[in-house]
Amino acid sequence: MNKKLRTALSLVAVTAVATLGLAGCSSDSSGGDAPQIAYMSFAVTNSYDSPMLAAAKAVAEAAGAEVTVFDANNDPNAQYQQLQDVITSGKYQGIITQPIFGTGLVDLVSQAIEAGIKVVNMDQILGPDLTTFESQVEGLSGNVVFVPTELGTKLGEQVVAACESQKLDPCNVGYMYNIKASALDVATKEAFDAAVKGSPVKIVAEGEGFFTPSFALKAVQDMLQAQPGINLIAGSDQSIQGAVQAIDGAGLTGKILLVGFGGSSTAVTGVASGAWFADVAQAPATTGKLAMQALLEAIKSGTVSPGVNPLAGLPNNGVITKDTASQFTGEWIG
């Protein structure tokens, strides 16, 4: 352990650390030797992020660790500055990153590792290759992520299946991004396009939901006005929730196919009832739990957990259909 980190640990032993929203956190002297964890959230208010954070906190609390949450609120510049501040503070023995712009944090994560801080990346890819869940940063203690290209491929395959189920040719699709310019959305859409190539699927409208049903509602309303012949809406679960409202408001319930991704409880219910055609599962709570477990083990023993796939073992390769919906339990509400 280097001198700087040893000094920081001594300081932590006599100083109460302010933590944002940590269940069971105490400011008395009994927590002085607790590992200090910085949790770099891309957006605390995102309904997908909430169970991930809660699961990570639960693991930390059980282990006697203290978590400080840094909320970037979907701003990559803010997240960069927050991570920089975490490193220079000398307060933290561990960091969990949930990158908004993965390549933008690589240099800072390397700096943290060089300073003796254990870092586990979670949920979003940290690095330029969005086709793998393997670690792309030397010295990273763990990498618990989903692969955007796999998600996009499965989404595209289910859109093709939905169109075939109604023998639609062409099949006019409204495609909902979360944040169109994000690396996540770019990679997902490229894989989606490859999966639907050669099929009757035709993208006739696009919109952005910003991980929020209310934004998606307005975007889909605009789609339906501009393209009244839309047959199907595809997007994240939050976007599909907004789409359901827009479709209902237009008097088109049951006439437009819905294919989502996220594996939320809302999606599982929607697919089971037949209101949604299919959904591609994600597992935010499992991701948060595995990431915090990996980080605490790294701090304790130096164990490295590269390339952890939180979706491994899901039924039906993570694709929720009416026939398989009963096998899934949503880890977030949507």
Protein backbone atom coordinates (compact mmCIF):
# COMPACT_ATOMS: atom_id res chain seq x y z
CA MET A 1 0.00 0.00 0.00
CA ASN A 2 1.53 3.36 -0.97
CA LYS A 3 2.13 6.22 1.46
CA LYS A 4 -0.64 8.40 0.04
CA LEU A 5 -3.30 5.72 0.43
CA ARG A 6 -2.03 4.80 3.94
CA THR A 7 -2.38 8.45 4.94
CA ALA A 8 -5.88 8.58 3.48
CA LEU A 9 -6.91 5.52 5.46
CA SER A 10 -5.66 7.11 8.67
CA LEU A 11 -7.68 10.22 7.91
CA VAL A 12 -10.81 8.17 7.29
CA ALA A 13 -10.36 6.50 10.67
CA VAL A 14 -10.93 9.80 12.49
CA THR A 15 -13.20 11.64 10.08
CA ALA A 16 -16.90 11.05 9.43
CA VAL A 17 -17.53 10.62 5.74
CA ALA A 18 -20.73 12.09 4.33
CA THR A 19 -22.59 9.53 2.30
CA LEU A 20 -25.58 10.12 0.06
CA GLY A 21 -28.49 7.78 0.74
CA LEU A 22 -26.54 4.85 2.30
CA ALA A 23 -28.86 2.54 4.17
CA GLY A 24 -27.51 1.73 7.61
CA CYS A 25 -24.65 4.24 7.41
CA SER A 26 -23.41 5.56 10.76
CA SER A 27 -21.19 8.54 11.50
CA ASP A 28 -19.94 7.25 14.85
CA SER A 29 -16.40 6.01 15.49
CA SER A 30 -17.41 2.36 15.00
CA GLY A 31 -17.37 2.92 11.23
CA GLY A 32 -13.89 4.42 11.19
CA ASP A 33 -12.19 1.41 9.62
CA ALA A 34 -14.96 0.73 7.12
CA PRO A 35 -13.88 0.60 3.47
CA GLN A 36 -14.89 3.79 1.70
CA ILE A 37 -16.55 3.23 -1.69
CA ALA A 38 -17.29 5.85 -4.36
CA TYR A 39 -20.27 4.87 -6.51
CA MET A 40 -20.29 6.75 -9.83
CA SER A 41 -23.92 6.60 -10.98
CA PHE A 42 -24.90 7.77 -14.45
CA ALA A 43 -28.33 8.90 -13.12
CA VAL A 44 -29.74 8.10 -9.70
CA THR A 45 -33.30 9.00 -10.71
CA ASN A 46 -33.29 6.57 -13.64
CA SER A 47 -35.72 3.79 -12.72
CA TYR A 48 -33.25 1.25 -14.15
CA ASP A 49 -30.43 2.56 -11.95
CA SER A 50 -32.37 2.61 -8.67
CA PRO A 51 -32.45 -1.17 -7.99
CA MET A 52 -28.83 -1.46 -9.11
CA LEU A 53 -27.81 1.11 -6.52
CA ALA A 54 -30.02 -0.43 -3.84
CA ALA A 55 -28.53 -3.89 -4.39
CA ALA A 56 -24.98 -2.53 -4.29
CA LYS A 57 -25.71 -0.65 -1.06
CA ALA A 58 -27.18 -3.76 0.55
CA VAL A 59 -24.00 -5.74 -0.15
CA ALA A 60 -21.83 -2.89 1.15
CA GLU A 61 -23.88 -2.48 4.32
CA ALA A 62 -23.71 -6.19 5.08
CA ALA A 63 -19.92 -6.03 4.75
CA GLY A 64 -19.56 -2.90 6.88
CA ALA A 65 -18.47 -0.70 3.97
CA GLU A 66 -19.59 2.89 3.45
CA VAL A 67 -20.78 4.18 0.08
CA THR A 68 -20.78 7.71 -1.25
CA VAL A 69 -22.95 8.14 -4.35
CA PHE A 70 -21.99 10.58 -7.10
CA ASP A 71 -24.90 11.33 -9.43
CA ALA A 72 -23.84 12.52 -12.90
CA ASN A 73 -27.47 12.83 -14.06
CA ASN A 74 -26.63 11.72 -17.63
CA ASP A 75 -23.89 14.36 -17.99
CA PRO A 76 -20.56 12.79 -19.07
CA ASN A 77 -18.64 15.98 -18.28
CA ALA A 78 -20.03 16.04 -14.76
CA GLN A 79 -19.15 12.37 -14.31
CA TYR A 80 -15.59 12.99 -15.47
CA GLN A 81 -15.16 15.80 -12.94
CA GLN A 82 -16.72 13.74 -10.16
CA LEU A 83 -14.35 10.83 -10.79
CA GLN A 84 -11.40 13.20 -10.91
CA ASP A 85 -12.43 14.63 -7.54
CA VAL A 86 -12.84 11.15 -6.06
CA ILE A 87 -9.31 10.19 -7.08
CA THR A 88 -7.65 13.38 -5.84
CA SER A 89 -9.55 13.33 -2.52
CA GLY A 90 -7.58 10.32 -1.27
CA LYS A 91 -10.64 9.17 0.69
CA TYR A 92 -11.64 6.04 -1.16
CA GLN A 93 -10.28 2.51 -1.27
CA GLY A 94 -12.74 1.45 -3.97
CA ILE A 95 -14.67 2.90 -6.90
CA ILE A 96 -17.60 1.53 -8.89
CA THR A 97 -17.97 3.16 -12.29
CA GLN A 98 -21.17 3.19 -14.35
CA PRO A 99 -19.95 5.14 -17.38
CA ILE A 100 -22.06 7.46 -19.48
CA PHE A 101 -19.28 7.74 -22.06
CA GLY A 102 -17.05 4.73 -21.53
CA THR A 103 -13.94 5.77 -23.41
CA GLY A 104 -13.99 9.13 -21.66
CA LEU A 105 -13.29 7.57 -18.25
CA VAL A 106 -10.53 5.15 -19.24
CA ASP A 107 -7.60 7.46 -18.45
CA LEU A 108 -9.04 8.46 -15.07
CA VAL A 109 -9.73 4.86 -14.13
CA SER A 110 -6.12 4.02 -14.98
CA GLN A 111 -5.00 6.89 -12.74
CA ALA A 112 -7.13 5.54 -9.90
CA ILE A 113 -5.65 2.07 -10.30
CA GLU A 114 -2.12 3.51 -10.32
CA ALA A 115 -2.98 5.32 -7.07
CA GLY A 116 -3.83 1.99 -5.44
CA ILE A 117 -7.61 2.34 -5.61
CA LYS A 118 -9.56 -0.78 -6.57
CA VAL A 119 -11.99 -0.14 -9.43
CA VAL A 120 -14.89 -2.27 -10.66
CA ASN A 121 -16.80 -1.22 -13.75
CA MET A 122 -20.51 -1.93 -13.89
CA ASP A 123 -23.41 -2.02 -16.34
CA GLN A 124 -21.99 0.11 -19.18
CA ILE A 125 -18.87 -0.70 -21.22
CA LEU A 126 -15.64 0.99 -20.09
CA GLY A 127 -13.58 1.18 -23.27
CA PRO A 128 -14.06 1.36 -27.03
CA ASP A 129 -15.23 -2.20 -27.78
CA LEU A 130 -18.99 -2.50 -27.24
CA THR A 131 -19.10 -6.13 -28.37
CA THR A 132 -17.58 -7.79 -25.28
CA PHE A 133 -18.05 -7.98 -21.52
CA GLU A 134 -14.31 -8.60 -21.00
CA SER A 135 -12.26 -5.92 -19.24
CA GLN A 136 -10.57 -3.34 -21.48
CA VAL A 137 -8.57 -1.50 -18.80
CA GLU A 138 -5.38 -2.97 -17.37
CA GLY A 139 -5.60 -3.49 -13.63
CA LEU A 140 -9.39 -3.28 -13.42
CA SER A 141 -10.61 -5.39 -10.49
CA GLY A 142 -13.92 -6.32 -12.07
CA ASN A 143 -16.15 -5.74 -15.09
CA VAL A 144 -19.85 -6.58 -14.65
CA VAL A 145 -21.60 -5.42 -17.82
CA PHE A 146 -24.10 -6.26 -20.52
CA VAL A 147 -23.08 -6.12 -24.19
CA PRO A 148 -25.02 -3.52 -26.24
CA THR A 149 -24.53 -5.34 -29.52
CA GLU A 150 -26.06 -8.52 -28.10
CA LEU A 151 -29.01 -6.49 -26.87
CA GLY A 152 -29.47 -4.84 -30.28
CA THR A 153 -29.29 -8.17 -32.07
CA LYS A 154 -31.95 -9.75 -29.86
CA LEU A 155 -34.15 -6.67 -30.15
CA GLY A 156 -33.90 -6.79 -33.93
CA GLU A 157 -34.66 -10.51 -34.03
CA GLN A 158 -37.80 -10.02 -31.96
CA VAL A 159 -38.93 -7.13 -34.16
CA VAL A 160 -38.58 -9.39 -37.21
CA ALA A 161 -40.54 -12.12 -35.42
CA ALA A 162 -43.27 -9.66 -34.46
CA CYS A 163 -43.62 -8.46 -38.04
CA GLU A 164 -43.74 -12.05 -39.30
CA SER A 165 -46.45 -12.87 -36.77
CA GLN A 166 -48.74 -10.40 -38.55
CA LYS A 167 -47.37 -11.10 -42.05
CA LEU A 168 -46.49 -7.42 -42.43
CA ASP A 169 -44.58 -6.47 -45.59
CA PRO A 170 -43.43 -3.80 -45.31
CA CYS A 171 -43.42 -3.61 -41.53
CA ASN A 172 -43.24 0.08 -40.60
CA VAL A 173 -41.29 0.56 -37.39
CA GLY A 174 -40.87 3.52 -35.06
CA TYR A 175 -37.48 3.15 -33.35
CA MET A 176 -36.95 4.77 -29.95
CA TYR A 177 -33.44 5.64 -28.83
CA ASN A 178 -32.68 6.49 -25.21
CA ILE A 179 -30.03 9.10 -26.05
CA LYS A 180 -29.32 8.86 -29.76
CA ALA A 181 -25.75 10.20 -29.62
CA SER A 182 -24.64 7.89 -26.80
CA ALA A 183 -22.21 5.07 -27.54
CA LEU A 184 -24.73 2.64 -26.02
CA ASP A 185 -27.47 3.65 -28.43
CA VAL A 186 -25.17 3.77 -31.45
CA ALA A 187 -23.91 0.23 -30.82
CA THR A 188 -27.39 -1.10 -30.05
CA LYS A 189 -28.87 0.41 -33.22
CA GLU A 190 -26.05 -0.87 -35.45
CA ALA A 191 -26.63 -4.40 -34.18
CA PHE A 192 -30.39 -3.95 -34.56
CA ASP A 193 -29.96 -2.84 -38.17
CA ALA A 194 -27.82 -5.88 -38.94
CA ALA A 195 -30.42 -8.19 -37.38
CA VAL A 196 -33.33 -6.80 -39.44
CA LYS A 197 -31.40 -6.54 -42.72
CA GLY A 198 -33.15 -8.39 -45.52
CA SER A 199 -36.47 -8.53 -43.66
CA PRO A 200 -39.63 -6.48 -44.32
CA VAL A 201 -38.71 -4.19 -41.40
CA LYS A 202 -38.60 -0.54 -42.44
CA ILE A 203 -37.67 2.22 -39.99
CA VAL A 204 -40.06 5.07 -40.82
CA ALA A 205 -39.65 7.19 -37.67
CA GLU A 206 -37.18 7.71 -34.84
CA GLY A 207 -37.41 9.36 -31.43
CA GLU A 208 -35.60 9.69 -28.10
CA GLY A 209 -37.02 8.69 -24.73
CA PHE A 210 -34.17 9.80 -22.42
CA PHE A 211 -34.92 6.82 -20.14
CA THR A 212 -38.23 8.48 -19.21
CA PRO A 213 -41.79 7.45 -20.18
CA SER A 214 -43.01 11.06 -20.32
CA PHE A 215 -40.40 12.01 -22.94
CA ALA A 216 -41.20 8.86 -24.88
CA LEU A 217 -44.91 9.66 -24.78
CA LYS A 218 -44.35 12.94 -26.62
CA ALA A 219 -41.91 11.36 -29.08
CA VAL A 220 -44.32 8.56 -29.99
CA GLN A 221 -47.21 11.00 -30.28
CA ASP A 222 -45.14 12.88 -32.85
CA MET A 223 -44.32 9.61 -34.63
CA LEU A 224 -47.97 8.61 -34.92
CA GLN A 225 -48.93 12.01 -36.29
CA ALA A 226 -46.12 12.02 -38.86
CA GLN A 227 -46.39 8.32 -39.76
CA PRO A 228 -49.95 7.07 -39.12
CA GLY A 229 -49.09 3.77 -40.81
CA ILE A 230 -46.65 2.64 -38.11
CA ASN A 231 -47.03 -1.06 -37.33
CA LEU A 232 -44.55 -1.46 -34.47
CA ILE A 233 -42.67 0.54 -31.83
CA ALA A 234 -39.30 -0.72 -30.54
CA GLY A 235 -37.21 0.68 -27.69
CA SER A 236 -36.31 0.45 -24.02
CA ASP A 237 -38.98 -0.44 -21.49
CA GLN A 238 -39.33 3.19 -20.40
CA SER A 239 -39.91 4.18 -24.02
CA ILE A 240 -42.45 1.41 -24.54
CA GLN A 241 -44.33 2.58 -21.45
CA GLY A 242 -44.59 6.03 -23.02
CA ALA A 243 -45.59 4.43 -26.31
CA VAL A 244 -48.43 2.55 -24.61
CA GLN A 245 -49.86 5.87 -23.40
CA ALA A 246 -49.49 7.49 -26.82
CA ILE A 247 -51.08 4.55 -28.59
CA ASP A 248 -53.97 4.46 -26.14
CA GLY A 249 -54.50 8.20 -26.55
CA ALA A 250 -54.66 7.76 -30.32
CA GLY A 251 -57.24 5.00 -30.01
CA LEU A 252 -54.83 2.43 -31.45
CA THR A 253 -54.49 0.02 -28.54
CA GLY A 254 -53.95 -3.51 -29.84
CA LYS A 255 -53.20 -2.29 -33.35
CA ILE A 256 -49.47 -1.51 -32.95
CA LEU A 257 -46.92 -4.15 -31.97
CA LEU A 258 -44.54 -3.41 -29.08
CA VAL A 259 -41.05 -4.84 -28.61
CA GLY A 260 -38.90 -3.62 -25.73
CA PHE A 261 -35.72 -4.24 -23.82
CA GLY A 262 -34.99 -4.02 -20.12
CA GLY A 263 -36.77 -6.97 -18.55
CA SER A 264 -38.73 -4.75 -16.15
CA SER A 265 -41.71 -6.02 -14.20
CA THR A 266 -43.90 -3.84 -16.42
CA ALA A 267 -42.47 -5.55 -19.50
CA VAL A 268 -42.88 -9.05 -18.09
CA THR A 269 -46.53 -8.30 -17.30
CA GLY A 270 -47.08 -6.71 -20.70
CA VAL A 271 -45.60 -9.63 -22.61
CA ALA A 272 -47.46 -12.19 -20.49
CA SER A 273 -50.77 -10.47 -21.23
CA GLY A 274 -50.06 -10.18 -24.94
CA ALA A 275 -50.06 -6.38 -24.85
CA TRP A 276 -46.33 -6.43 -25.72
CA PHE A 277 -44.97 -8.89 -28.28
CA ALA A 278 -41.58 -9.49 -26.62
CA ASP A 279 -38.87 -7.98 -24.46
CA VAL A 280 -35.12 -8.50 -24.03
CA ALA A 281 -34.17 -8.92 -20.38
CA GLN A 282 -31.63 -6.96 -18.37
CA ALA A 283 -30.76 -7.46 -14.70
CA PRO A 284 -29.88 -4.20 -12.92
CA ALA A 285 -30.17 -5.49 -9.35
CA THR A 286 -28.02 -8.53 -10.11
CA THR A 287 -25.49 -6.22 -11.75
CA GLY A 288 -25.26 -3.97 -8.69
CA LYS A 289 -24.91 -6.91 -6.33
CA LEU A 290 -22.19 -8.64 -8.35
CA ALA A 291 -20.25 -5.41 -8.86
CA MET A 292 -20.15 -4.54 -5.17
CA GLN A 293 -19.24 -8.12 -4.24
CA ALA A 294 -16.35 -8.02 -6.71
CA LEU A 295 -15.12 -4.67 -5.40
CA LEU A 296 -15.19 -5.67 -1.75
CA GLU A 297 -13.36 -8.91 -2.54
CA ALA A 298 -10.74 -6.93 -4.48
CA ILE A 299 -10.22 -4.57 -1.54
CA LYS A 300 -10.01 -7.47 0.90
CA SER A 301 -7.81 -9.91 -1.00
CA GLY A 302 -6.84 -8.41 -4.36
CA THR A 303 -9.08 -10.84 -6.24
CA VAL A 304 -9.79 -9.84 -9.84
CA SER A 305 -13.18 -10.67 -11.43
CA PRO A 306 -12.87 -9.75 -15.11
CA GLY A 307 -15.62 -10.31 -17.61
CA VAL A 308 -18.67 -11.07 -15.45
CA ASN A 309 -21.87 -11.42 -17.47
CA PRO A 310 -24.84 -10.58 -15.19
CA LEU A 311 -27.27 -12.01 -17.76
CA ALA A 312 -25.72 -15.47 -17.86
CA GLY A 313 -28.21 -18.17 -17.05
CA LEU A 314 -31.37 -16.22 -17.86
CA PRO A 315 -34.17 -18.36 -19.34
CA ASN A 316 -34.60 -18.47 -23.12
CA ASN A 317 -31.32 -16.61 -23.66
CA GLY A 318 -32.85 -13.57 -21.98
CA VAL A 319 -35.72 -13.17 -24.45
CA ILE A 320 -39.14 -12.73 -22.86
CA THR A 321 -42.02 -14.03 -24.98
CA LYS A 322 -45.59 -14.87 -24.08
CA ASP A 323 -44.57 -18.52 -23.75
CA THR A 324 -41.60 -17.78 -21.48
CA ALA A 325 -42.77 -14.73 -19.49
CA SER A 326 -43.67 -16.85 -16.46
CA GLN A 327 -39.99 -17.79 -16.13
CA PHE A 328 -38.89 -14.17 -15.61
CA THR A 329 -39.04 -11.83 -12.63
CA GLY A 330 -38.40 -8.17 -13.35
CA GLU A 331 -35.66 -6.57 -11.25
CA TRP A 332 -36.99 -3.04 -11.79
CA ILE A 333 -40.38 -1.48 -12.42
CA GLY A 334 -39.59 0.12 -15.78
